Amino acid sequence: MISGTGKRWSLKDRNLNIQNPLIMGILNMTPDSFSDGGKFLDIDDAIKQAQAMSDAGADILDIGGESTRPGSLPINADQEMSRILPIIKEVASFTDVLISVDTQKSKVAEVALSCGAHIINDISAGKNDAGMFRLIAESKAGYVMMHMQGIPETMQQAPGYIHVISEINEFFNDRIREAIEAGVNGNQIALDPGIGFGKNLDDNLRILANIAEFNSFNKPIVLGASRKSFIGMIDDSTPSERIGGSLAAVLSTYHQGVHIYRVHDVAETRQALDIFSAIQKHSG
């Protein structure tokens, strides 16, 4: 179960399955994110973007105040909160869309939840902050734990695996076990294999081709491949030119059981999923 202030999300309640995957729209309140850094620092611009994504079919809005692009440096909790809390309060006041907060810090997560957020999206899977699992257990918030090799500042310098799928599976086993030992209900957890977070091109493509392997955990799978650099490595595109590649990643994983797509381009992703699903229903 993904839960939060006054709302609940479960596979049953949201009819969450491969025929009806959820769309998580990205709203970065940062000056330096790889694709949209600096575009939504102004609160009015951010509100307009949140409303536009909601109107376009986003089921979740993922709000972030700290860039985690390759090479990025961490910021302190107060700076992160100053960026995200105003927009969380505003979004919570005018929409029923679930609010996710992209943070590694339990202090930020706790205040965000008190302001109306429902889900914590943690790229460190609790490894960055020992208090995170305790907070998730006490708040009963939804929790996305992501796989990352290294830290954002250095993760793309020399990523390496013997078998990337097996190693991510081992990572999830360990982190899920530790979370449950800390009191987190297993139904609160969703899993993100971390496209682009300490992975090279071959690693990313292998994850996309075999993402069904993570269904063995019986937890929602989150995919964040939108506009990422692996697309540009194939066709030399810039982030703004990667909508086609982003949709290819979405459709290639549709039948593999992905439940949540974290994307920049909500309307295009919603249309692609709706049309693709309609076509599939008439196959055979």
Protein backbone atom coordinates (compact mmCIF):
# COMPACT_ATOMS: atom_id res chain seq x y z
CA MET A 1 0.00 0.00 0.00
CA ILE A 2 1.19 3.48 -0.81
CA SER A 3 -0.28 5.75 1.79
CA GLY A 4 -0.13 9.32 2.93
CA THR A 5 -2.03 12.26 4.31
CA GLY A 6 -5.70 11.39 3.88
CA LYS A 7 -5.15 9.09 0.88
CA ARG A 8 -4.36 5.49 0.19
CA TRP A 9 -2.89 3.83 -2.85
CA SER A 10 -2.82 0.09 -3.30
CA LEU A 11 -2.78 -2.24 -6.26
CA LYS A 12 -6.46 -2.96 -5.64
CA ASP A 13 -7.63 0.61 -4.99
CA ARG A 14 -5.91 2.11 -8.02
CA ASN A 15 -6.42 -0.90 -10.30
CA LEU A 16 -2.66 -0.89 -10.72
CA ASN A 17 -1.65 -3.43 -13.33
CA ILE A 18 0.06 -3.55 -16.71
CA GLN A 19 -3.18 -2.58 -18.47
CA ASN A 20 -3.46 0.58 -16.36
CA PRO A 21 0.03 1.78 -15.38
CA LEU A 22 0.29 5.07 -13.53
CA ILE A 23 2.10 8.13 -14.81
CA MET A 24 4.35 10.04 -12.44
CA GLY A 25 5.03 13.54 -13.75
CA ILE A 26 8.41 15.09 -12.93
CA LEU A 27 8.50 18.57 -11.40
CA ASN A 28 12.04 19.67 -10.57
CA MET A 29 12.39 22.76 -8.41
CA THR A 30 16.11 22.90 -9.14
CA PRO A 31 18.46 25.13 -11.14
CA ASP A 32 20.59 22.27 -12.42
CA SER A 33 18.57 19.13 -13.26
CA PHE A 34 19.70 17.57 -16.52
CA SER A 35 16.53 18.20 -18.56
CA ASP A 36 14.41 20.93 -16.97
CA GLY A 37 16.74 22.59 -14.48
CA GLY A 38 15.77 26.20 -13.79
CA LYS A 39 12.45 26.07 -15.67
CA PHE A 40 10.19 25.88 -12.62
CA LEU A 41 12.02 27.76 -9.87
CA ASP A 42 9.30 30.40 -9.84
CA ILE A 43 6.34 29.19 -7.81
CA ASP A 44 3.77 30.42 -10.34
CA ASP A 45 5.54 28.57 -13.17
CA ALA A 46 5.72 25.44 -11.03
CA ILE A 47 2.01 25.62 -10.20
CA LYS A 48 1.12 26.00 -13.88
CA GLN A 49 3.28 23.01 -14.74
CA ALA A 50 1.76 20.92 -11.95
CA GLN A 51 -1.74 21.79 -13.14
CA ALA A 52 -0.81 21.05 -16.75
CA MET A 53 0.57 17.62 -15.87
CA SER A 54 -2.49 16.86 -13.75
CA ASP A 55 -4.79 17.89 -16.61
CA ALA A 56 -2.72 15.80 -19.05
CA GLY A 57 -3.30 12.63 -17.06
CA ALA A 58 -0.61 12.42 -14.39
CA ASP A 59 -1.61 10.17 -11.50
CA ILE A 60 1.34 11.25 -9.35
CA LEU A 61 3.48 14.40 -9.28
CA ASP A 62 7.09 13.81 -8.25
CA ILE A 63 8.53 17.01 -6.79
CA GLY A 64 12.27 17.36 -6.31
CA GLY A 65 14.46 20.08 -4.82
CA GLU A 66 17.91 18.52 -5.22
CA SER A 67 19.43 17.59 -8.55
CA THR A 68 20.79 14.05 -8.71
CA ARG A 69 22.09 14.17 -12.27
CA PRO A 70 25.56 12.68 -12.82
CA GLY A 71 28.19 14.95 -11.31
CA SER A 72 25.76 16.87 -9.10
CA LEU A 73 26.67 17.89 -5.56
CA PRO A 74 24.36 17.51 -2.53
CA ILE A 75 22.61 20.46 -0.90
CA ASN A 76 21.50 20.84 2.71
CA ALA A 77 18.03 20.00 3.98
CA ASP A 78 17.01 23.61 4.60
CA GLN A 79 17.83 24.63 1.04
CA GLU A 80 15.99 21.62 -0.34
CA MET A 81 12.89 22.34 1.76
CA SER A 82 12.85 26.02 0.78
CA ARG A 83 12.49 24.92 -2.84
CA ILE A 84 9.83 22.25 -2.51
CA LEU A 85 7.56 23.01 0.45
CA PRO A 86 5.69 25.95 -1.13
CA ILE A 87 4.78 23.94 -4.23
CA ILE A 88 3.79 20.86 -2.18
CA LYS A 89 1.35 22.97 -0.16
CA GLU A 90 -0.08 24.59 -3.29
CA VAL A 91 -0.47 21.35 -5.22
CA ALA A 92 -2.09 19.64 -2.24
CA SER A 93 -4.63 22.46 -2.07
CA PHE A 94 -5.96 22.21 -5.64
CA THR A 95 -5.57 18.64 -6.89
CA ASP A 96 -6.27 15.05 -5.84
CA VAL A 97 -3.19 13.83 -7.68
CA LEU A 98 -0.85 11.96 -5.37
CA ILE A 99 2.27 13.88 -4.42
CA SER A 100 5.66 12.20 -4.35
CA VAL A 101 8.79 13.90 -3.03
CA ASP A 102 12.18 13.02 -4.49
CA THR A 103 14.53 13.20 -1.49
CA GLN A 104 17.19 11.18 0.32
CA LYS A 105 16.79 13.05 3.61
CA SER A 106 14.40 11.96 6.37
CA LYS A 107 14.12 15.54 7.68
CA VAL A 108 12.94 16.76 4.28
CA ALA A 109 10.67 13.76 3.88
CA GLU A 110 9.04 14.24 7.27
CA VAL A 111 8.19 17.91 6.67
CA ALA A 112 7.04 17.19 3.11
CA LEU A 113 4.63 14.51 4.36
CA SER A 114 3.24 16.92 6.95
CA CYS A 115 2.61 19.43 4.13
CA GLY A 116 0.55 17.02 2.04
CA ALA A 117 2.93 14.60 0.28
CA HIS A 118 2.02 10.91 0.13
CA ILE A 119 5.08 9.14 -1.28
CA ILE A 120 8.83 9.43 -0.71
CA ASN A 121 10.99 8.67 -3.74
CA ASP A 122 14.46 7.89 -2.37
CA ILE A 123 17.29 7.32 -4.85
CA SER A 124 19.49 5.98 -2.04
CA ALA A 125 16.97 3.35 -0.87
CA GLY A 126 17.57 4.44 2.72
CA LYS A 127 21.35 4.17 2.58
CA ASN A 128 21.94 7.93 2.76
CA ASP A 129 19.93 8.51 5.94
CA ALA A 130 19.56 5.99 8.75
CA GLY A 131 16.32 7.63 9.86
CA MET A 132 14.48 7.18 6.58
CA PHE A 133 13.10 3.68 7.15
CA ARG A 134 11.89 4.61 10.63
CA LEU A 135 10.05 7.62 9.21
CA ILE A 136 8.43 5.55 6.46
CA ALA A 137 7.34 2.97 9.01
CA GLU A 138 5.82 5.58 11.34
CA SER A 139 4.17 7.68 8.64
CA LYS A 140 2.94 4.74 6.58
CA ALA A 141 3.84 6.76 3.48
CA GLY A 142 4.51 5.17 0.15
CA TYR A 143 8.19 4.54 -0.49
CA VAL A 144 10.04 4.14 -3.78
CA MET A 145 13.46 2.61 -3.22
CA MET A 146 15.84 2.97 -6.14
CA HIS A 147 19.03 1.14 -7.04
CA MET A 148 22.11 3.29 -7.52
CA GLN A 149 25.75 2.29 -7.74
CA GLY A 150 27.76 4.99 -6.00
CA ILE A 151 26.56 8.56 -5.45
CA PRO A 152 25.38 11.14 -8.02
CA GLU A 153 28.66 13.08 -7.91
CA THR A 154 30.73 10.09 -9.09
CA MET A 155 28.30 7.35 -10.18
CA GLN A 156 28.98 7.64 -13.92
CA GLN A 157 32.77 7.73 -13.72
CA ALA A 158 33.30 3.98 -13.89
CA PRO A 159 30.14 1.94 -13.27
CA GLY A 160 30.70 -1.80 -13.44
CA TYR A 161 28.78 -5.03 -12.87
CA ILE A 162 29.38 -8.73 -13.37
CA HIS A 163 25.65 -9.30 -13.93
CA VAL A 164 23.59 -6.15 -13.56
CA ILE A 165 20.17 -7.80 -13.14
CA SER A 166 21.36 -10.24 -10.47
CA GLU A 167 23.19 -7.52 -8.58
CA ILE A 168 20.16 -5.23 -8.55
CA ASN A 169 18.02 -8.14 -7.36
CA GLU A 170 20.48 -8.75 -4.50
CA PHE A 171 20.39 -5.04 -3.64
CA PHE A 172 16.59 -5.01 -3.48
CA ASN A 173 16.57 -8.15 -1.34
CA ASP A 174 18.89 -6.51 1.18
CA ARG A 175 17.12 -3.15 1.25
CA ILE A 176 13.63 -4.63 1.51
CA ARG A 177 14.74 -6.86 4.37
CA GLU A 178 16.30 -3.93 6.24
CA ALA A 179 13.22 -1.77 5.67
CA ILE A 180 10.88 -4.45 7.00
CA GLU A 181 13.15 -5.00 10.02
CA ALA A 182 12.77 -1.26 10.70
CA GLY A 183 8.98 -1.62 10.72
CA VAL A 184 8.09 -0.72 7.13
CA ASN A 185 5.16 -2.70 5.75
CA GLY A 186 6.21 -4.46 2.56
CA ASN A 187 3.08 -3.11 0.85
CA GLN A 188 4.41 0.44 1.20
CA ILE A 189 7.38 -0.30 -1.06
CA ALA A 190 7.85 0.16 -4.80
CA LEU A 191 11.08 -0.60 -6.68
CA ASP A 192 13.01 1.45 -9.24
CA PRO A 193 16.03 -0.21 -10.91
CA GLY A 194 17.62 3.20 -11.44
CA ILE A 195 18.17 3.76 -15.15
CA GLY A 196 21.23 6.01 -15.53
CA PHE A 197 22.27 5.85 -11.89
CA GLY A 198 25.66 4.17 -11.96
CA LYS A 199 25.01 2.31 -15.21
CA ASN A 200 26.54 2.39 -18.69
CA LEU A 201 24.63 2.12 -21.95
CA ASP A 202 24.69 -1.67 -22.02
CA ASP A 203 23.53 -1.87 -18.39
CA ASN A 204 20.57 0.44 -19.07
CA LEU A 205 19.48 -1.47 -22.16
CA ARG A 206 19.82 -4.79 -20.36
CA ILE A 207 17.62 -3.51 -17.52
CA LEU A 208 14.98 -2.30 -19.96
CA ALA A 209 15.00 -5.60 -21.84
CA ASN A 210 14.75 -7.65 -18.64
CA ILE A 211 12.82 -5.45 -16.21
CA ALA A 212 10.28 -8.25 -15.72
CA GLU A 213 12.94 -9.97 -13.60
CA PHE A 214 12.05 -7.62 -10.74
CA ASN A 215 8.42 -8.75 -10.66
CA SER A 216 9.55 -11.61 -8.41
CA PHE A 217 9.36 -9.18 -5.46
CA ASN A 218 5.61 -8.72 -6.04
CA LYS A 219 5.93 -4.96 -5.66
CA PRO A 220 5.14 -2.11 -8.05
CA ILE A 221 7.97 -1.45 -10.49
CA VAL A 222 8.83 2.17 -11.26
CA LEU A 223 10.66 3.11 -14.47
CA GLY A 224 12.44 6.43 -14.83
CA ALA A 225 13.95 6.44 -18.32
CA SER A 226 12.53 9.76 -19.50
CA ARG A 227 14.93 11.85 -21.62
CA LYS A 228 17.96 10.13 -20.10
CA SER A 229 21.43 10.12 -21.58
CA PHE A 230 21.37 6.50 -22.78
CA ILE A 231 18.97 7.69 -25.51
CA GLY A 232 21.45 10.33 -26.63
CA MET A 233 24.23 7.75 -26.63
CA ILE A 234 22.32 5.90 -29.34
CA ASP A 235 21.17 8.80 -31.56
CA ASP A 236 23.18 11.83 -30.36
CA SER A 237 20.03 13.67 -29.24
CA THR A 238 19.75 16.39 -26.62
CA PRO A 239 17.37 15.95 -23.63
CA SER A 240 14.61 17.99 -25.31
CA GLU A 241 14.88 15.80 -28.42
CA ARG A 242 14.37 12.49 -26.58
CA ILE A 243 10.58 12.16 -26.41
CA GLY A 244 10.58 9.42 -29.04
CA GLY A 245 13.27 7.48 -27.24
CA SER A 246 11.50 7.94 -23.93
CA LEU A 247 8.26 6.54 -25.37
CA ALA A 248 10.18 3.60 -26.85
CA ALA A 249 11.40 2.75 -23.35
CA VAL A 250 7.83 2.98 -22.03
CA LEU A 251 6.28 0.76 -24.69
CA SER A 252 9.12 -1.78 -24.61
CA THR A 253 8.45 -2.38 -20.90
CA TYR A 254 4.64 -2.23 -20.98
CA HIS A 255 4.15 -6.00 -21.17
CA GLN A 256 6.92 -6.65 -18.69
CA GLY A 257 4.84 -5.49 -15.76
CA VAL A 258 5.99 -1.92 -15.11
CA HIS A 259 3.40 -0.21 -12.93
CA ILE A 260 4.58 3.41 -12.78
CA TYR A 261 6.30 5.52 -15.43
CA ARG A 262 8.21 8.57 -14.16
CA VAL A 263 8.25 11.01 -17.08
CA HIS A 264 8.72 14.61 -18.16
CA ASP A 265 6.23 14.38 -21.06
CA VAL A 266 2.95 13.40 -19.42
CA ALA A 267 0.51 14.05 -22.29
CA GLU A 268 2.63 12.18 -24.84
CA THR A 269 3.15 9.24 -22.49
CA ARG A 270 -0.55 9.10 -21.60
CA GLN A 271 -1.50 9.06 -25.28
CA ALA A 272 1.09 6.42 -26.17
CA LEU A 273 -0.06 4.13 -23.35
CA ASP A 274 -3.76 4.63 -24.10
CA ILE A 275 -3.40 3.92 -27.81
CA PHE A 276 -0.99 1.03 -27.33
CA SER A 277 -3.31 -0.51 -24.74
CA ALA A 278 -6.33 -0.11 -27.03
CA ILE A 279 -4.49 -1.84 -29.86
CA GLN A 280 -3.37 -4.69 -27.61
CA LYS A 281 -6.94 -5.36 -26.52
CA HIS A 282 -7.82 -6.16 -30.14
CA SER A 283 -4.92 -8.51 -30.82
CA GLY A 284 -5.71 -12.07 -31.85
